[in-house]
Structures are given as C-alpha cells and as structure tokens.
Amino acid sequence: MGRLVKAEFRKITTTKLWWALLIPTVLIAFGWALGAGYLGNAFVDLLDGPEARELETVLGVDSGEWIVSYFAIARSINLATLFPLVFGALAISAEFSTKTITTTFLTAPNRVSALLAKTVVYVAWGAIYGLAIILSVAAGILISTDSDRLPTAAGWLGLAVVGVLASILMTLFGVGAGALVRSVPGVITLLILYFLVVENGAQLVLGIHAPDVIGFLPNGSVNGLTGSMAAELFLTTAESVPPWLEDGVRAVAGATGALAWWLSGLVFLGWSALVFGGGWISTQTRDIT
C-alpha cells in the first residue's frame, strides 16, 4: 500500500495540475478575504457614527461587539473550496481520458488497493489545499482588519478546522464526480454549473418558500459547515444581537437555511460519500481499457 500511495503522489506532483490550480486558489482566497475584510471594517466604522449609535440604542444592539471578520473568513473559504473540487474532478477524469488509470490497475495487486491508495492521496491533497486556503484567507484578513476586530484564537482555530474539512470533502466530491462522468470538460462544466448557478438559483427560491431545505443540499451544506460556524462565533461574541436579527446574521455568513455547523458537515459528508462511493463502484466494476 505504501508504494501505491507514493506512486499516486508522484503521479500528481509530476504534472502541472496541482500547482496550476493551487496558485489561483491562493490568489482568490487572499484577494476575497482582503476585499471582504476592508468592506467589513468600513461597515463597522459607519456604524460607529453618532446617528448610527442612536439607532443601535433604539434597536438594542451594540456594533462595538461585532466581529464581522468571521463573515469574511467564511465567505472566502466557501468560494476558494471550489478549486479543490475542480482539482479532484480534473485529476481523476484526466486519468480516464489519458488511460493512465489502466496502467495503475495493471501494476497494482488489485483495484481495491489502487483505489484505497488514491483515496489516501486525495484526502491528503484536499488537506493541502485547505491549509493553503486558510493561510491565504488569514493573511488577507490580518492585512485588512483592525486588530480589535479580529477573531479570537478559538475562532481562528474553529474556522481553520472546518475550512480544511470542507476542502477535503470537496476534493472527494470532485473525485467521485470525475470517476462517474470521466470526461474532463463534461465534469468541470457540470460541477461549476451546479455549484455556482443551479443551486444558488434554487436557493433564491427556497430562501423564500422553504429555507430549511437549503441545508440539505450539497452546496448549502458545505457552505453551512463554515457559515454556521462563523455565525455561531459571531453571535457568541456579540451578546446584544436580538433574535430577530439572527437569520440575517446567518445569511451574511453564507449559511441561509443551514443546519448547525457539525450537522452541515455530516450532511455534506453524506453527499461526498454518495458521489465518491458511486465513482468507486463505477471504477471498480467497469472496463477501463
């Protein structure tokens, strides 16, 4: 198994795919966090004015307690994890397109061993992408956000853990989709359209008529993993937020209709297991020559 894992790592590191996608991942994560951090800072500065303070007193809120950088971090992670999704889909579908997976299966003791090695490697790459995303987002937030508006140490740690977990699960989701579709342009088009267009459009409708459904969808659940964590951290810090404003907080965090962060993680784990398992079964049983 160790030799198979090393061979799979070598197969990826000898191609341009891993760094060709890692570079835009870092740039997008950093740039989005930088912009969102500045925007959050400007928003809190606006609320610090005398007229806004009077309104806050009437509404019973205190924006001085608001750590809005939690929202910027969650949103940046959610966007950047599209890249490990694409990485997983491209890596496995390209193996089918170029027939290199045939060599892998011929040199491995059996297909199960080869697929287990691939699973270990893609989990590791998902974690690598996740760490790169977290570090890039942290850099953007540290540059753009005032020191008294930064997350607590526990907040940083919590978002880092769920961010890496989201990246791993998105990678496995992409691998499963790539194994099922087996066409590079086909799987990328399908995933991008679904995650950026189809489900986001559906969420606009569901947000009005059935918001609770959103948390059980793939994109809604993976966004809820980080978004619900950010909303929970924000509400814990900002004790003066009234109940009627909590739904707005969750929406800003990117967790509209989402379940608690750990439940969201379990839901998306289920989606990832379903798609990855489907790809595993397809690869295990179908002719790949």
C-alpha atoms as a PDB file:
ATOM      1  CA  MET A   1       0.000   0.000   0.000  1.00  0.00           C
ATOM      2  CA  GLY A   2       2.829   2.387   0.845  1.00  0.00           C
ATOM      3  CA  ARG A   3       4.333   2.025  -2.618  1.00  0.00           C
ATOM      4  CA  LEU A   4       0.955   2.631  -4.238  1.00  0.00           C
ATOM      5  CA  VAL A   5       0.438   5.806  -2.194  1.00  0.00           C
ATOM      6  CA  LYS A   6       3.905   7.082  -3.138  1.00  0.00           C
ATOM      7  CA  ALA A   7       3.208   6.296  -6.783  1.00  0.00           C
ATOM      8  CA  GLU A   8      -0.067   8.228  -6.661  1.00  0.00           C
ATOM      9  CA  PHE A   9       1.630  11.234  -5.052  1.00  0.00           C
ATOM     10  CA  ARG A  10       4.356  11.104  -7.677  1.00  0.00           C
ATOM     11  CA  LYS A  11       1.776  10.895 -10.440  1.00  0.00           C
ATOM     12  CA  ILE A  12       0.194  14.155  -9.286  1.00  0.00           C
ATOM     13  CA  THR A  13       3.378  16.066  -8.431  1.00  0.00           C
ATOM     14  CA  THR A  14       4.934  15.330 -11.822  1.00  0.00           C
ATOM     15  CA  THR A  15       2.072  17.136 -13.572  1.00  0.00           C
ATOM     16  CA  LYS A  16       1.237  20.831 -13.650  1.00  0.00           C
ATOM     17  CA  LEU A  17      -2.313  20.384 -12.392  1.00  0.00           C
ATOM     18  CA  TRP A  18      -1.671  20.658  -8.653  1.00  0.00           C
ATOM     19  CA  TRP A  19       0.198  23.971  -8.780  1.00  0.00           C
ATOM     20  CA  ALA A  20      -1.763  25.334 -11.752  1.00  0.00           C
ATOM     21  CA  LEU A  21      -4.874  25.176  -9.564  1.00  0.00           C
ATOM     22  CA  LEU A  22      -3.154  25.944  -6.255  1.00  0.00           C
ATOM     23  CA  ILE A  23      -1.947  29.359  -7.469  1.00  0.00           C
ATOM     24  CA  PRO A  24      -5.427  30.724  -8.304  1.00  0.00           C
ATOM     25  CA  THR A  25      -6.732  29.093  -5.121  1.00  0.00           C
ATOM     26  CA  VAL A  26      -4.303  31.138  -3.041  1.00  0.00           C
ATOM     27  CA  LEU A  27      -4.908  34.329  -5.026  1.00  0.00           C
ATOM     28  CA  ILE A  28      -8.701  34.067  -4.856  1.00  0.00           C
ATOM     29  CA  ALA A  29      -8.705  33.190  -1.156  1.00  0.00           C
ATOM     30  CA  PHE A  30      -6.340  36.040  -0.311  1.00  0.00           C
ATOM     31  CA  GLY A  31      -7.995  38.598  -2.589  1.00  0.00           C
ATOM     32  CA  TRP A  32     -11.528  37.817  -1.481  1.00  0.00           C
ATOM     33  CA  ALA A  33     -10.552  37.898   2.195  1.00  0.00           C
ATOM     34  CA  LEU A  34      -8.683  41.162   1.686  1.00  0.00           C
ATOM     35  CA  GLY A  35     -11.643  42.832  -0.012  1.00  0.00           C
ATOM     36  CA  ALA A  36     -14.220  41.413   2.394  1.00  0.00           C
ATOM     37  CA  GLY A  37     -12.072  42.438   5.354  1.00  0.00           C
ATOM     38  CA  TYR A  38     -11.847  46.043   4.164  1.00  0.00           C
ATOM     39  CA  LEU A  39     -15.593  46.063   3.480  1.00  0.00           C
ATOM     40  CA  GLY A  40     -16.357  44.741   6.954  1.00  0.00           C
ATOM     41  CA  ASN A  41     -14.064  47.324   8.531  1.00  0.00           C
ATOM     42  CA  ALA A  42     -15.762  50.131   6.602  1.00  0.00           C
ATOM     43  CA  PHE A  43     -19.199  48.841   7.634  1.00  0.00           C
ATOM     44  CA  VAL A  44     -18.336  48.821  11.345  1.00  0.00           C
ATOM     45  CA  ASP A  45     -16.747  52.282  11.021  1.00  0.00           C
ATOM     46  CA  LEU A  46     -20.012  53.511   9.515  1.00  0.00           C
ATOM     47  CA  LEU A  47     -21.959  52.097  12.443  1.00  0.00           C
ATOM     48  CA  ASP A  48     -19.633  53.888  14.834  1.00  0.00           C
ATOM     49  CA  GLY A  49     -21.076  57.300  13.897  1.00  0.00           C
ATOM     50  CA  PRO A  50     -23.347  59.224  16.329  1.00  0.00           C
ATOM     51  CA  GLU A  51     -26.535  58.800  14.284  1.00  0.00           C
ATOM     52  CA  ALA A  52     -25.951  55.082  13.856  1.00  0.00           C
ATOM     53  CA  ARG A  53     -25.264  54.773  17.588  1.00  0.00           C
ATOM     54  CA  GLU A  54     -28.641  56.341  18.374  1.00  0.00           C
ATOM     55  CA  LEU A  55     -30.364  53.849  16.097  1.00  0.00           C
ATOM     56  CA  GLU A  56     -28.467  50.978  17.713  1.00  0.00           C
ATOM     57  CA  THR A  57     -29.676  52.120  21.133  1.00  0.00           C
ATOM     58  CA  VAL A  58     -33.272  52.079  19.916  1.00  0.00           C
ATOM     59  CA  LEU A  59     -32.845  48.612  18.380  1.00  0.00           C
ATOM     60  CA  GLY A  60     -30.977  47.271  21.385  1.00  0.00           C
ATOM     61  CA  VAL A  61     -27.772  46.298  19.583  1.00  0.00           C
ATOM     62  CA  ASP A  62     -24.118  47.234  20.040  1.00  0.00           C
ATOM     63  CA  SER A  63     -21.986  47.064  16.890  1.00  0.00           C
ATOM     64  CA  GLY A  64     -18.889  47.531  19.030  1.00  0.00           C
ATOM     65  CA  GLU A  65     -19.190  43.826  19.892  1.00  0.00           C
ATOM     66  CA  TRP A  66     -19.480  42.744  16.264  1.00  0.00           C
ATOM     67  CA  ILE A  67     -16.544  40.751  14.878  1.00  0.00           C
ATOM     68  CA  VAL A  68     -17.654  40.859  11.246  1.00  0.00           C
ATOM     69  CA  SER A  69     -14.354  39.373  10.087  1.00  0.00           C
ATOM     70  CA  TYR A  70     -15.915  35.982  10.851  1.00  0.00           C
ATOM     71  CA  PHE A  71     -18.201  36.513   7.860  1.00  0.00           C
ATOM     72  CA  ALA A  72     -15.330  37.493   5.575  1.00  0.00           C
ATOM     73  CA  ILE A  73     -13.394  34.373   6.544  1.00  0.00           C
ATOM     74  CA  ALA A  74     -16.332  32.019   5.996  1.00  0.00           C
ATOM     75  CA  ARG A  75     -17.283  33.549   2.645  1.00  0.00           C
ATOM     76  CA  SER A  76     -13.687  33.441   1.417  1.00  0.00           C
ATOM     77  CA  ILE A  77     -13.275  29.794   2.391  1.00  0.00           C
ATOM     78  CA  ASN A  78     -16.564  28.860   0.719  1.00  0.00           C
ATOM     79  CA  LEU A  79     -15.505  30.427  -2.564  1.00  0.00           C
ATOM     80  CA  ALA A  80     -11.959  29.058  -2.526  1.00  0.00           C
ATOM     81  CA  THR A  81     -13.026  25.458  -1.866  1.00  0.00           C
ATOM     82  CA  LEU A  82     -14.382  25.319  -5.411  1.00  0.00           C
ATOM     83  CA  PHE A  83     -10.761  24.828  -6.502  1.00  0.00           C
ATOM     84  CA  PRO A  84     -10.119  21.564  -4.619  1.00  0.00           C
ATOM     85  CA  LEU A  85     -13.470  20.409  -6.018  1.00  0.00           C
ATOM     86  CA  VAL A  86     -12.195  21.091  -9.536  1.00  0.00           C
ATOM     87  CA  PHE A  87      -8.789  19.594  -8.683  1.00  0.00           C
ATOM     88  CA  GLY A  88     -10.317  16.293  -7.630  1.00  0.00           C
ATOM     89  CA  ALA A  89     -12.588  16.132 -10.662  1.00  0.00           C
ATOM     90  CA  LEU A  90      -9.827  17.034 -13.123  1.00  0.00           C
ATOM     91  CA  ALA A  91      -7.246  14.682 -11.655  1.00  0.00           C
ATOM     92  CA  ILE A  92      -9.366  11.549 -11.847  1.00  0.00           C
ATOM     93  CA  SER A  93     -11.226  12.313 -15.099  1.00  0.00           C
ATOM     94  CA  ALA A  94      -7.899  13.077 -16.808  1.00  0.00           C
ATOM     95  CA  GLU A  95      -6.669   9.611 -15.793  1.00  0.00           C
ATOM     96  CA  PHE A  96      -9.573   8.070 -17.651  1.00  0.00           C
ATOM     97  CA  SER A  97      -9.107  10.354 -20.662  1.00  0.00           C
ATOM     98  CA  THR A  98      -5.376   9.588 -20.967  1.00  0.00           C
ATOM     99  CA  LYS A  99      -5.785   5.910 -19.969  1.00  0.00           C
ATOM    100  CA  THR A 100      -3.120   6.221 -17.247  1.00  0.00           C
ATOM    101  CA  ILE A 101      -5.556   4.615 -14.828  1.00  0.00           C
ATOM    102  CA  THR A 102      -5.218   1.402 -16.869  1.00  0.00           C
ATOM    103  CA  THR A 103      -1.512   1.240 -16.019  1.00  0.00           C
ATOM    104  CA  THR A 104      -2.309   1.881 -12.359  1.00  0.00           C
ATOM    105  CA  PHE A 105      -4.700  -1.044 -12.195  1.00  0.00           C
ATOM    106  CA  LEU A 106      -2.361  -3.364 -14.106  1.00  0.00           C
ATOM    107  CA  THR A 107       0.568  -2.685 -11.752  1.00  0.00           C
ATOM    108  CA  ALA A 108      -1.448  -2.784  -8.502  1.00  0.00           C
ATOM    109  CA  PRO A 109      -2.256  -6.077  -6.731  1.00  0.00           C
ATOM    110  CA  ASN A 110      -5.955  -5.366  -7.270  1.00  0.00           C
ATOM    111  CA  ARG A 111      -8.315  -2.489  -7.950  1.00  0.00           C
ATOM    112  CA  VAL A 112      -9.318  -2.136  -4.312  1.00  0.00           C
ATOM    113  CA  SER A 113      -5.696  -1.470  -3.285  1.00  0.00           C
ATOM    114  CA  ALA A 114      -5.284   1.057  -6.090  1.00  0.00           C
ATOM    115  CA  LEU A 115      -8.500   2.863  -5.168  1.00  0.00           C
ATOM    116  CA  LEU A 116      -7.600   2.921  -1.465  1.00  0.00           C
ATOM    117  CA  ALA A 117      -4.234   4.478  -2.329  1.00  0.00           C
ATOM    118  CA  LYS A 118      -5.970   7.103  -4.457  1.00  0.00           C
ATOM    119  CA  THR A 119      -8.366   7.864  -1.600  1.00  0.00           C
ATOM    120  CA  VAL A 120      -5.485   8.434   0.839  1.00  0.00           C
ATOM    121  CA  VAL A 121      -3.697  10.677  -1.652  1.00  0.00           C
ATOM    122  CA  TYR A 122      -6.744  12.793  -2.483  1.00  0.00           C
ATOM    123  CA  VAL A 123      -7.591  13.240   1.194  1.00  0.00           C
ATOM    124  CA  ALA A 124      -4.032  14.494   1.691  1.00  0.00           C
ATOM    125  CA  TRP A 125      -4.282  16.855  -1.282  1.00  0.00           C
ATOM    126  CA  GLY A 126      -7.613  18.132  -0.015  1.00  0.00           C
ATOM    127  CA  ALA A 127      -5.922  18.936   3.294  1.00  0.00           C
ATOM    128  CA  ILE A 128      -3.025  20.644   1.485  1.00  0.00           C
ATOM    129  CA  TYR A 129      -5.429  22.832  -0.469  1.00  0.00           C
ATOM    130  CA  GLY A 130      -7.380  23.503   2.715  1.00  0.00           C
ATOM    131  CA  LEU A 131      -4.284  24.663   4.590  1.00  0.00           C
ATOM    132  CA  ALA A 132      -3.301  26.885   1.661  1.00  0.00           C
ATOM    133  CA  ILE A 133      -6.786  28.409   1.679  1.00  0.00           C
ATOM    134  CA  ILE A 134      -6.757  29.022   5.435  1.00  0.00           C
ATOM    135  CA  LEU A 135      -3.304  30.643   5.378  1.00  0.00           C
ATOM    136  CA  SER A 136      -4.241  32.843   2.406  1.00  0.00           C
ATOM    137  CA  VAL A 137      -7.527  33.912   3.985  1.00  0.00           C
ATOM    138  CA  ALA A 138      -5.799  34.620   7.293  1.00  0.00           C
ATOM    139  CA  ALA A 139      -3.224  36.809   5.539  1.00  0.00           C
ATOM    140  CA  GLY A 140      -5.943  38.797   3.780  1.00  0.00           C
ATOM    141  CA  ILE A 141      -7.907  39.304   6.994  1.00  0.00           C
ATOM    142  CA  LEU A 142      -4.851  40.292   9.048  1.00  0.00           C
ATOM    143  CA  ILE A 143      -3.925  42.955   6.491  1.00  0.00           C
ATOM    144  CA  SER A 144      -7.410  44.413   6.038  1.00  0.00           C
ATOM    145  CA  THR A 145      -8.953  44.209   9.516  1.00  0.00           C
ATOM    146  CA  ASP A 146      -8.279  46.301  12.612  1.00  0.00           C
ATOM    147  CA  SER A 147      -6.665  44.293  15.393  1.00  0.00           C
ATOM    148  CA  ASP A 148      -9.604  44.746  17.787  1.00  0.00           C
ATOM    149  CA  ARG A 149     -11.966  43.289  15.175  1.00  0.00           C
ATOM    150  CA  LEU A 150     -10.049  40.073  14.551  1.00  0.00           C
ATOM    151  CA  PRO A 151     -11.366  36.655  15.620  1.00  0.00           C
ATOM    152  CA  THR A 152     -10.365  35.125  18.918  1.00  0.00           C
ATOM    153  CA  ALA A 153      -7.826  32.295  18.965  1.00  0.00           C
ATOM    154  CA  ALA A 154     -10.688  29.811  19.353  1.00  0.00           C
ATOM    155  CA  GLY A 155     -12.457  31.443  16.418  1.00  0.00           C
ATOM    156  CA  TRP A 156      -9.398  31.153  14.177  1.00  0.00           C
ATOM    157  CA  LEU A 157      -8.942  27.514  15.154  1.00  0.00           C
ATOM    158  CA  GLY A 158     -12.592  26.592  14.660  1.00  0.00           C
ATOM    159  CA  LEU A 159     -12.798  28.138  11.199  1.00  0.00           C
ATOM    160  CA  ALA A 160      -9.447  26.637  10.220  1.00  0.00           C
ATOM    161  CA  VAL A 161     -10.585  23.130  11.162  1.00  0.00           C
ATOM    162  CA  VAL A 162     -13.915  23.332   9.325  1.00  0.00           C
ATOM    163  CA  GLY A 163     -12.194  25.011   6.373  1.00  0.00           C
ATOM    164  CA  VAL A 164      -9.722  22.156   5.944  1.00  0.00           C
ATOM    165  CA  LEU A 165     -12.522  19.630   6.414  1.00  0.00           C
ATOM    166  CA  ALA A 166     -14.620  21.374   3.745  1.00  0.00           C
ATOM    167  CA  SER A 167     -11.659  21.286   1.360  1.00  0.00           C
ATOM    168  CA  ILE A 168     -11.114  17.550   1.900  1.00  0.00           C
ATOM    169  CA  LEU A 169     -14.788  16.740   1.370  1.00  0.00           C
ATOM    170  CA  MET A 170     -14.993  18.939  -1.732  1.00  0.00           C
ATOM    171  CA  THR A 171     -11.945  17.154  -3.159  1.00  0.00           C
ATOM    172  CA  LEU A 172     -13.545  13.753  -2.608  1.00  0.00           C
ATOM    173  CA  PHE A 173     -16.830  15.002  -4.079  1.00  0.00           C
ATOM    174  CA  GLY A 174     -14.911  16.118  -7.168  1.00  0.00           C
ATOM    175  CA  VAL A 175     -13.059  12.808  -7.414  1.00  0.00           C
ATOM    176  CA  GLY A 176     -16.332  10.901  -7.279  1.00  0.00           C
ATOM    177  CA  ALA A 177     -17.920  13.122  -9.912  1.00  0.00           C
ATOM    178  CA  GLY A 178     -14.859  12.758 -12.146  1.00  0.00           C
ATOM    179  CA  ALA A 179     -14.960   8.976 -11.838  1.00  0.00           C
ATOM    180  CA  LEU A 180     -18.650   8.926 -12.731  1.00  0.00           C
ATOM    181  CA  VAL A 181     -18.545  11.345 -15.672  1.00  0.00           C
ATOM    182  CA  ARG A 182     -14.991  10.506 -16.920  1.00  0.00           C
ATOM    183  CA  SER A 183     -14.958  13.471 -19.298  1.00  0.00           C
ATOM    184  CA  VAL A 184     -12.750  16.420 -18.335  1.00  0.00           C
ATOM    185  CA  PRO A 185     -14.870  19.163 -19.964  1.00  0.00           C
ATOM    186  CA  GLY A 186     -18.072  17.351 -19.014  1.00  0.00           C
ATOM    187  CA  VAL A 187     -17.396  17.027 -15.294  1.00  0.00           C
ATOM    188  CA  ILE A 188     -15.985  20.554 -14.912  1.00  0.00           C
ATOM    189  CA  THR A 189     -18.963  22.070 -16.719  1.00  0.00           C
ATOM    190  CA  LEU A 190     -21.361  20.015 -14.617  1.00  0.00           C
ATOM    191  CA  LEU A 191     -19.779  20.912 -11.268  1.00  0.00           C
ATOM    192  CA  ILE A 192     -19.298  24.616 -11.968  1.00  0.00           C
ATOM    193  CA  LEU A 193     -22.822  24.991 -13.326  1.00  0.00           C
ATOM    194  CA  TYR A 194     -24.326  23.187 -10.357  1.00  0.00           C
ATOM    195  CA  PHE A 195     -22.363  24.824  -7.539  1.00  0.00           C
ATOM    196  CA  LEU A 196     -22.330  28.360  -8.957  1.00  0.00           C
ATOM    197  CA  VAL A 197     -25.565  28.590 -10.938  1.00  0.00           C
ATOM    198  CA  VAL A 198     -28.124  25.837 -10.404  1.00  0.00           C
ATOM    199  CA  GLU A 199     -28.117  25.516  -6.635  1.00  0.00           C
ATOM    200  CA  ASN A 200     -27.566  29.221  -5.983  1.00  0.00           C
ATOM    201  CA  GLY A 201     -30.570  29.936  -8.180  1.00  0.00           C
ATOM    202  CA  ALA A 202     -32.581  27.294  -6.358  1.00  0.00           C
ATOM    203  CA  GLN A 203     -31.570  28.801  -3.019  1.00  0.00           C
ATOM    204  CA  LEU A 204     -33.058  32.154  -4.012  1.00  0.00           C
ATOM    205  CA  VAL A 205     -36.432  30.461  -4.434  1.00  0.00           C
ATOM    206  CA  LEU A 206     -36.078  28.125  -1.467  1.00  0.00           C
ATOM    207  CA  GLY A 207     -34.971  31.005   0.749  1.00  0.00           C
ATOM    208  CA  ILE A 208     -38.479  32.443   0.375  1.00  0.00           C
ATOM    209  CA  HIS A 209     -40.630  29.321   0.309  1.00  0.00           C
ATOM    210  CA  ALA A 210     -38.667  26.529   2.028  1.00  0.00           C
ATOM    211  CA  PRO A 211     -35.410  27.790   3.603  1.00  0.00           C
ATOM    212  CA  ASP A 212     -34.966  24.663   5.735  1.00  0.00           C
ATOM    213  CA  VAL A 213     -34.387  22.600   2.584  1.00  0.00           C
ATOM    214  CA  ILE A 214     -31.233  24.557   1.695  1.00  0.00           C
ATOM    215  CA  GLY A 215     -29.206  22.976   4.477  1.00  0.00           C
ATOM    216  CA  PHE A 216     -29.712  19.522   2.980  1.00  0.00           C
ATOM    217  CA  LEU A 217     -28.398  20.401  -0.488  1.00  0.00           C
ATOM    218  CA  PRO A 218     -24.719  19.847  -1.406  1.00  0.00           C
ATOM    219  CA  ASN A 219     -23.717  23.498  -1.726  1.00  0.00           C
ATOM    220  CA  GLY A 220     -25.952  24.591   1.138  1.00  0.00           C
ATOM    221  CA  SER A 221     -24.491  22.003   3.481  1.00  0.00           C
ATOM    222  CA  VAL A 222     -20.829  22.641   2.663  1.00  0.00           C
ATOM    223  CA  ASN A 223     -21.411  26.395   2.983  1.00  0.00           C
ATOM    224  CA  GLY A 224     -23.184  25.723   6.266  1.00  0.00           C
ATOM    225  CA  LEU A 225     -20.101  23.947   7.579  1.00  0.00           C
ATOM    226  CA  THR A 226     -18.131  27.207   7.594  1.00  0.00           C
ATOM    227  CA  GLY A 227     -21.029  29.683   7.527  1.00  0.00           C
ATOM    228  CA  SER A 228     -22.811  28.243  10.557  1.00  0.00           C
ATOM    229  CA  MET A 229     -19.523  28.139  12.442  1.00  0.00           C
ATOM    230  CA  ALA A 230     -18.930  31.823  11.619  1.00  0.00           C
ATOM    231  CA  ALA A 231     -22.476  32.774  12.629  1.00  0.00           C
ATOM    232  CA  GLU A 232     -22.179  30.853  15.901  1.00  0.00           C
ATOM    233  CA  LEU A 233     -18.855  32.515  16.739  1.00  0.00           C
ATOM    234  CA  PHE A 234     -20.244  35.947  15.866  1.00  0.00           C
ATOM    235  CA  LEU A 235     -23.373  35.501  17.995  1.00  0.00           C
ATOM    236  CA  THR A 236     -21.326  34.186  20.919  1.00  0.00           C
ATOM    237  CA  THR A 237     -19.163  37.317  20.845  1.00  0.00           C
ATOM    238  CA  ALA A 238     -21.974  39.795  20.114  1.00  0.00           C
ATOM    239  CA  GLU A 239     -24.280  39.108  23.027  1.00  0.00           C
ATOM    240  CA  SER A 240     -26.556  42.055  22.225  1.00  0.00           C
ATOM    241  CA  VAL A 241     -27.835  40.723  18.884  1.00  0.00           C
ATOM    242  CA  PRO A 242     -31.641  40.356  19.158  1.00  0.00           C
ATOM    243  CA  PRO A 243     -33.283  37.102  18.000  1.00  0.00           C
ATOM    244  CA  TRP A 244     -34.980  38.760  15.027  1.00  0.00           C
ATOM    245  CA  LEU A 245     -31.562  39.645  13.596  1.00  0.00           C
ATOM    246  CA  GLU A 246     -30.073  36.157  13.851  1.00  0.00           C
ATOM    247  CA  ASP A 247     -31.436  34.972  10.491  1.00  0.00           C
ATOM    248  CA  GLY A 248     -29.782  37.986   8.878  1.00  0.00           C
ATOM    249  CA  VAL A 249     -26.502  37.098  10.567  1.00  0.00           C
ATOM    250  CA  ARG A 250     -26.672  33.573   9.180  1.00  0.00           C
ATOM    251  CA  ALA A 251     -27.441  34.899   5.702  1.00  0.00           C
ATOM    252  CA  VAL A 252     -24.457  37.250   5.772  1.00  0.00           C
ATOM    253  CA  ALA A 253     -22.261  34.365   6.935  1.00  0.00           C
ATOM    254  CA  GLY A 254     -23.397  32.311   3.931  1.00  0.00           C
ATOM    255  CA  ALA A 255     -25.485  29.906   5.995  1.00  0.00           C
ATOM    256  CA  THR A 256     -29.043  30.714   4.904  1.00  0.00           C
ATOM    257  CA  GLY A 257     -31.225  27.765   5.851  1.00  0.00           C
ATOM    258  CA  ALA A 258     -28.196  25.793   7.009  1.00  0.00           C
ATOM    259  CA  LEU A 259     -28.117  23.461   9.975  1.00  0.00           C
ATOM    260  CA  ALA A 260     -25.619  23.722  12.832  1.00  0.00           C
ATOM    261  CA  TRP A 261     -22.049  23.554  11.560  1.00  0.00           C
ATOM    262  CA  TRP A 262     -21.486  19.961  12.670  1.00  0.00           C
ATOM    263  CA  LEU A 263     -24.805  18.797  11.209  1.00  0.00           C
ATOM    264  CA  SER A 264     -23.974  20.600   7.973  1.00  0.00           C
ATOM    265  CA  GLY A 265     -20.681  18.734   7.950  1.00  0.00           C
ATOM    266  CA  LEU A 266     -22.455  15.408   8.391  1.00  0.00           C
ATOM    267  CA  VAL A 267     -24.905  16.208   5.582  1.00  0.00           C
ATOM    268  CA  PHE A 268     -22.134  17.117   3.154  1.00  0.00           C
ATOM    269  CA  LEU A 269     -20.128  14.109   4.315  1.00  0.00           C
ATOM    270  CA  GLY A 270     -23.128  12.060   3.235  1.00  0.00           C
ATOM    271  CA  TRP A 271     -23.215  13.763  -0.181  1.00  0.00           C
ATOM    272  CA  SER A 272     -19.467  13.285  -0.628  1.00  0.00           C
ATOM    273  CA  ALA A 273     -19.707   9.636   0.417  1.00  0.00           C
ATOM    274  CA  LEU A 274     -22.583   9.102  -2.018  1.00  0.00           C
ATOM    275  CA  VAL A 275     -20.801  10.649  -5.006  1.00  0.00           C
ATOM    276  CA  PHE A 276     -17.373   9.249  -4.110  1.00  0.00           C
ATOM    277  CA  GLY A 277     -18.865   5.831  -3.435  1.00  0.00           C
ATOM    278  CA  GLY A 278     -20.647   5.922  -6.778  1.00  0.00           C
ATOM    279  CA  GLY A 279     -17.384   6.745  -8.513  1.00  0.00           C
ATOM    280  CA  TRP A 280     -15.608   3.965  -6.595  1.00  0.00           C
ATOM    281  CA  ILE A 281     -18.202   1.352  -7.600  1.00  0.00           C
ATOM    282  CA  SER A 282     -18.181   2.541 -11.205  1.00  0.00           C
ATOM    283  CA  THR A 283     -14.385   2.352 -11.381  1.00  0.00           C
ATOM    284  CA  GLN A 284     -14.282  -0.988  -9.579  1.00  0.00           C
ATOM    285  CA  THR A 285     -16.757  -2.713 -11.879  1.00  0.00           C
ATOM    286  CA  ARG A 286     -16.486  -1.121 -15.317  1.00  0.00           C
ATOM    287  CA  ASP A 287     -13.975  -1.956 -18.023  1.00  0.00           C
ATOM    288  CA  ILE A 288     -11.279   0.761 -18.130  1.00  0.00           C
ATOM    289  CA  THR A 289      -9.310  -0.428 -21.172  1.00  0.00           C
END
